[in-house]
Amino acid sequence: MTATYEQFGIRFLYPENWELDNRDDTGQPWSVSVHSPTGAFWSITVHGQHTELTELVNQTLQTIEQEYEQSFFESFQAKEEIAGHMTSGYDINFFYLDFLICAKLRVFQLGQHDCVVLYQGENRDFDELQRVFDAITFSLLTE
């Protein structure tokens, strides 16, 4: 079964057994995330219109890189079409504690909003979870 998040013109579906964290959905920019039972997460940060997307994705990547600067960190530029929307960003791998973490960072415009989507999970679960992450992102872009 699926649950629905809908607020401020943003709507997406997510698995009902995932935990919604929307404590940062006020002010500008604002964000909301959903967390899997295994600790993986999908998040969206919504900025006002007219944010330079290239600058936005590079700032977000730099923040992530600084957070994990004490460990192995690699990123690869990526472009991807999702539900007819062109997205750009990075595919990211890094170590956290003893775990290899895989993440995808994407930016795009959605109506009046500039959006950053970040999702990540442990390497051994990521391939399976990526289908769920992709479905959440697809629902965001088609709702």
C-alpha atoms as a PDB file:
ATOM      1  CA  MET A   1       0.000   0.000   0.000  1.00  0.00           C
ATOM      2  CA  THR A   2       1.054   3.584  -0.497  1.00  0.00           C
ATOM      3  CA  ALA A   3       0.736   6.762   1.493  1.00  0.00           C
ATOM      4  CA  THR A   4       0.528  10.274   0.032  1.00  0.00           C
ATOM      5  CA  TYR A   5       2.338  13.463   0.960  1.00  0.00           C
ATOM      6  CA  GLU A   6       0.683  16.630  -0.306  1.00  0.00           C
ATOM      7  CA  GLN A   7       1.556  20.134   0.782  1.00  0.00           C
ATOM      8  CA  PHE A   8       2.467  23.480  -0.812  1.00  0.00           C
ATOM      9  CA  GLY A   9       1.886  22.174  -4.334  1.00  0.00           C
ATOM     10  CA  ILE A  10       4.181  19.158  -3.873  1.00  0.00           C
ATOM     11  CA  ARG A  11       2.656  15.690  -3.983  1.00  0.00           C
ATOM     12  CA  PHE A  12       4.250  12.249  -3.995  1.00  0.00           C
ATOM     13  CA  LEU A  13       3.463   8.672  -3.068  1.00  0.00           C
ATOM     14  CA  TYR A  14       5.626   6.546  -0.778  1.00  0.00           C
ATOM     15  CA  PRO A  15       5.383   3.125   0.901  1.00  0.00           C
ATOM     16  CA  GLU A  16       3.066   3.271   3.893  1.00  0.00           C
ATOM     17  CA  ASN A  17       5.577   1.429   6.097  1.00  0.00           C
ATOM     18  CA  TRP A  18       8.130   4.231   5.576  1.00  0.00           C
ATOM     19  CA  GLU A  19       8.289   7.034   8.135  1.00  0.00           C
ATOM     20  CA  LEU A  20       7.466  10.578   7.011  1.00  0.00           C
ATOM     21  CA  ASP A  21       9.594  13.397   8.434  1.00  0.00           C
ATOM     22  CA  ASN A  22       8.121  16.766   7.533  1.00  0.00           C
ATOM     23  CA  ARG A  23       9.418  18.923  10.379  1.00  0.00           C
ATOM     24  CA  ASP A  24      11.322  21.091   7.877  1.00  0.00           C
ATOM     25  CA  ASP A  25       8.397  21.898   5.580  1.00  0.00           C
ATOM     26  CA  THR A  26       8.033  25.534   6.601  1.00  0.00           C
ATOM     27  CA  GLY A  27      10.041  28.548   5.510  1.00  0.00           C
ATOM     28  CA  GLN A  28      12.263  28.742   2.439  1.00  0.00           C
ATOM     29  CA  PRO A  29      13.783  26.463   1.374  1.00  0.00           C
ATOM     30  CA  TRP A  30      11.823  23.640   2.969  1.00  0.00           C
ATOM     31  CA  SER A  31      12.259  19.895   2.882  1.00  0.00           C
ATOM     32  CA  VAL A  32      10.477  16.662   3.612  1.00  0.00           C
ATOM     33  CA  SER A  33      11.806  13.110   3.696  1.00  0.00           C
ATOM     34  CA  VAL A  34      10.636   9.539   3.982  1.00  0.00           C
ATOM     35  CA  HIS A  35      12.712   6.840   5.679  1.00  0.00           C
ATOM     36  CA  SER A  36      12.649   3.106   5.038  1.00  0.00           C
ATOM     37  CA  PRO A  37      12.637   0.566   7.877  1.00  0.00           C
ATOM     38  CA  THR A  38      16.305  -0.209   6.999  1.00  0.00           C
ATOM     39  CA  GLY A  39      17.464   3.413   7.362  1.00  0.00           C
ATOM     40  CA  ALA A  40      17.532   4.399   3.695  1.00  0.00           C
ATOM     41  CA  PHE A  41      15.814   7.661   2.821  1.00  0.00           C
ATOM     42  CA  TRP A  42      14.391   9.789   0.008  1.00  0.00           C
ATOM     43  CA  SER A  43      14.172  13.552   0.491  1.00  0.00           C
ATOM     44  CA  ILE A  44      13.125  16.618  -1.416  1.00  0.00           C
ATOM     45  CA  THR A  45      14.211  20.184  -0.717  1.00  0.00           C
ATOM     46  CA  VAL A  46      12.052  22.832  -2.360  1.00  0.00           C
ATOM     47  CA  HIS A  47      13.475  26.253  -3.207  1.00  0.00           C
ATOM     48  CA  GLY A  48      11.716  29.292  -4.569  1.00  0.00           C
ATOM     49  CA  GLN A  49      11.716  29.749  -8.305  1.00  0.00           C
ATOM     50  CA  HIS A  50      14.729  31.257 -10.075  1.00  0.00           C
ATOM     51  CA  THR A  51      17.383  29.359  -8.186  1.00  0.00           C
ATOM     52  CA  GLU A  52      20.304  28.501 -10.469  1.00  0.00           C
ATOM     53  CA  LEU A  53      20.004  24.709 -10.681  1.00  0.00           C
ATOM     54  CA  THR A  54      23.694  24.135 -11.418  1.00  0.00           C
ATOM     55  CA  GLU A  55      24.689  26.172  -8.391  1.00  0.00           C
ATOM     56  CA  LEU A  56      22.065  24.434  -6.279  1.00  0.00           C
ATOM     57  CA  VAL A  57      23.264  20.920  -7.123  1.00  0.00           C
ATOM     58  CA  ASN A  58      26.926  21.862  -6.670  1.00  0.00           C
ATOM     59  CA  GLN A  59      26.259  23.449  -3.261  1.00  0.00           C
ATOM     60  CA  THR A  60      24.337  20.375  -2.150  1.00  0.00           C
ATOM     61  CA  LEU A  61      27.114  18.057  -3.331  1.00  0.00           C
ATOM     62  CA  GLN A  62      29.702  20.186  -1.515  1.00  0.00           C
ATOM     63  CA  THR A  63      27.680  20.007   1.708  1.00  0.00           C
ATOM     64  CA  ILE A  64      27.444  16.212   1.491  1.00  0.00           C
ATOM     65  CA  GLU A  65      31.138  15.943   0.675  1.00  0.00           C
ATOM     66  CA  GLN A  66      32.082  18.121   3.680  1.00  0.00           C
ATOM     67  CA  GLU A  67      29.894  16.031   5.966  1.00  0.00           C
ATOM     68  CA  TYR A  68      31.762  12.863   4.978  1.00  0.00           C
ATOM     69  CA  GLU A  69      35.208  14.382   4.391  1.00  0.00           C
ATOM     70  CA  GLN A  70      36.891  11.895   6.702  1.00  0.00           C
ATOM     71  CA  SER A  71      35.970   8.962   4.477  1.00  0.00           C
ATOM     72  CA  PHE A  72      36.201   7.751   0.898  1.00  0.00           C
ATOM     73  CA  PHE A  73      33.916   9.888  -1.269  1.00  0.00           C
ATOM     74  CA  GLU A  74      33.329   9.815  -5.024  1.00  0.00           C
ATOM     75  CA  SER A  75      30.780  11.474  -7.261  1.00  0.00           C
ATOM     76  CA  PHE A  76      29.920  11.245 -10.937  1.00  0.00           C
ATOM     77  CA  GLN A  77      27.882  13.762 -12.911  1.00  0.00           C
ATOM     78  CA  ALA A  78      24.580  12.392 -14.152  1.00  0.00           C
ATOM     79  CA  LYS A  79      21.685  13.462 -16.340  1.00  0.00           C
ATOM     80  CA  GLU A  80      18.460  11.550 -16.373  1.00  0.00           C
ATOM     81  CA  GLU A  81      14.996  11.955 -17.832  1.00  0.00           C
ATOM     82  CA  ILE A  82      12.257  11.054 -15.370  1.00  0.00           C
ATOM     83  CA  ALA A  83       8.591  11.218 -16.367  1.00  0.00           C
ATOM     84  CA  GLY A  84       9.416  13.658 -19.178  1.00  0.00           C
ATOM     85  CA  HIS A  85      11.476  15.973 -16.919  1.00  0.00           C
ATOM     86  CA  MET A  86      15.189  16.414 -17.550  1.00  0.00           C
ATOM     87  CA  THR A  87      17.150  16.171 -14.309  1.00  0.00           C
ATOM     88  CA  SER A  88      20.822  16.648 -13.598  1.00  0.00           C
ATOM     89  CA  GLY A  89      22.974  15.879 -10.618  1.00  0.00           C
ATOM     90  CA  TYR A  90      25.376  13.312  -9.256  1.00  0.00           C
ATOM     91  CA  ASP A  91      25.634   9.645  -8.412  1.00  0.00           C
ATOM     92  CA  ILE A  92      27.559   9.422  -5.145  1.00  0.00           C
ATOM     93  CA  ASN A  93      29.366   6.699  -3.184  1.00  0.00           C
ATOM     94  CA  PHE A  94      30.951   7.109   0.240  1.00  0.00           C
ATOM     95  CA  PHE A  95      31.778   5.175   3.361  1.00  0.00           C
ATOM     96  CA  TYR A  96      29.934   5.874   6.600  1.00  0.00           C
ATOM     97  CA  LEU A  97      31.220   3.873   9.553  1.00  0.00           C
ATOM     98  CA  ASP A  98      31.839   0.476   7.904  1.00  0.00           C
ATOM     99  CA  PHE A  99      29.101   0.786   5.287  1.00  0.00           C
ATOM    100  CA  LEU A 100      29.350   1.744   1.634  1.00  0.00           C
ATOM    101  CA  ILE A 101      26.536   4.197   0.942  1.00  0.00           C
ATOM    102  CA  CYS A 102      25.131   4.859  -2.523  1.00  0.00           C
ATOM    103  CA  ALA A 103      23.224   8.048  -3.202  1.00  0.00           C
ATOM    104  CA  LYS A 104      21.648   9.927  -6.068  1.00  0.00           C
ATOM    105  CA  LEU A 105      21.301  13.694  -6.101  1.00  0.00           C
ATOM    106  CA  ARG A 106      19.044  15.272  -8.733  1.00  0.00           C
ATOM    107  CA  VAL A 107      17.810  18.821  -9.395  1.00  0.00           C
ATOM    108  CA  PHE A 108      14.929  19.958 -11.595  1.00  0.00           C
ATOM    109  CA  GLN A 109      12.129  22.464 -11.896  1.00  0.00           C
ATOM    110  CA  LEU A 110       8.652  21.416 -10.903  1.00  0.00           C
ATOM    111  CA  GLY A 111       6.019  24.024 -11.649  1.00  0.00           C
ATOM    112  CA  GLN A 112       6.930  27.117  -9.624  1.00  0.00           C
ATOM    113  CA  HIS A 113       9.567  25.272  -7.616  1.00  0.00           C
ATOM    114  CA  ASP A 114      13.239  24.398  -7.989  1.00  0.00           C
ATOM    115  CA  CYS A 115      13.747  21.020  -6.340  1.00  0.00           C
ATOM    116  CA  VAL A 116      16.617  18.929  -5.027  1.00  0.00           C
ATOM    117  CA  VAL A 117      15.937  15.223  -4.581  1.00  0.00           C
ATOM    118  CA  LEU A 118      18.452  13.146  -2.657  1.00  0.00           C
ATOM    119  CA  TYR A 119      18.103   9.484  -1.872  1.00  0.00           C
ATOM    120  CA  GLN A 120      20.546   7.105  -0.341  1.00  0.00           C
ATOM    121  CA  GLY A 121      20.913   3.667   1.134  1.00  0.00           C
ATOM    122  CA  GLU A 122      23.437   1.052   2.027  1.00  0.00           C
ATOM    123  CA  ASN A 123      25.104  -0.508  -1.011  1.00  0.00           C
ATOM    124  CA  ARG A 124      23.795  -4.033  -0.380  1.00  0.00           C
ATOM    125  CA  ASP A 125      20.167  -2.755  -0.371  1.00  0.00           C
ATOM    126  CA  PHE A 126      20.465   0.052  -2.889  1.00  0.00           C
ATOM    127  CA  ASP A 127      19.606  -1.849  -6.085  1.00  0.00           C
ATOM    128  CA  GLU A 128      16.342  -3.107  -4.630  1.00  0.00           C
ATOM    129  CA  LEU A 129      15.514   0.227  -2.998  1.00  0.00           C
ATOM    130  CA  GLN A 130      16.295   2.176  -6.140  1.00  0.00           C
ATOM    131  CA  ARG A 131      13.060   0.885  -7.679  1.00  0.00           C
ATOM    132  CA  VAL A 132      11.179   2.378  -4.717  1.00  0.00           C
ATOM    133  CA  PHE A 133      13.166   5.640  -4.880  1.00  0.00           C
ATOM    134  CA  ASP A 134      12.463   5.865  -8.618  1.00  0.00           C
ATOM    135  CA  ALA A 135       8.753   5.246  -8.046  1.00  0.00           C
ATOM    136  CA  ILE A 136       8.589   8.016  -5.423  1.00  0.00           C
ATOM    137  CA  THR A 137      10.365  10.437  -7.761  1.00  0.00           C
ATOM    138  CA  PHE A 138       8.164   9.402 -10.681  1.00  0.00           C
ATOM    139  CA  SER A 139       5.025  10.010  -8.597  1.00  0.00           C
ATOM    140  CA  LEU A 140       6.344  13.462  -7.650  1.00  0.00           C
ATOM    141  CA  LEU A 141       6.854  14.397 -11.297  1.00  0.00           C
ATOM    142  CA  THR A 142       3.556  13.015 -12.562  1.00  0.00           C
ATOM    143  CA  GLU A 143       1.155  14.061  -9.812  1.00  0.00           C
END
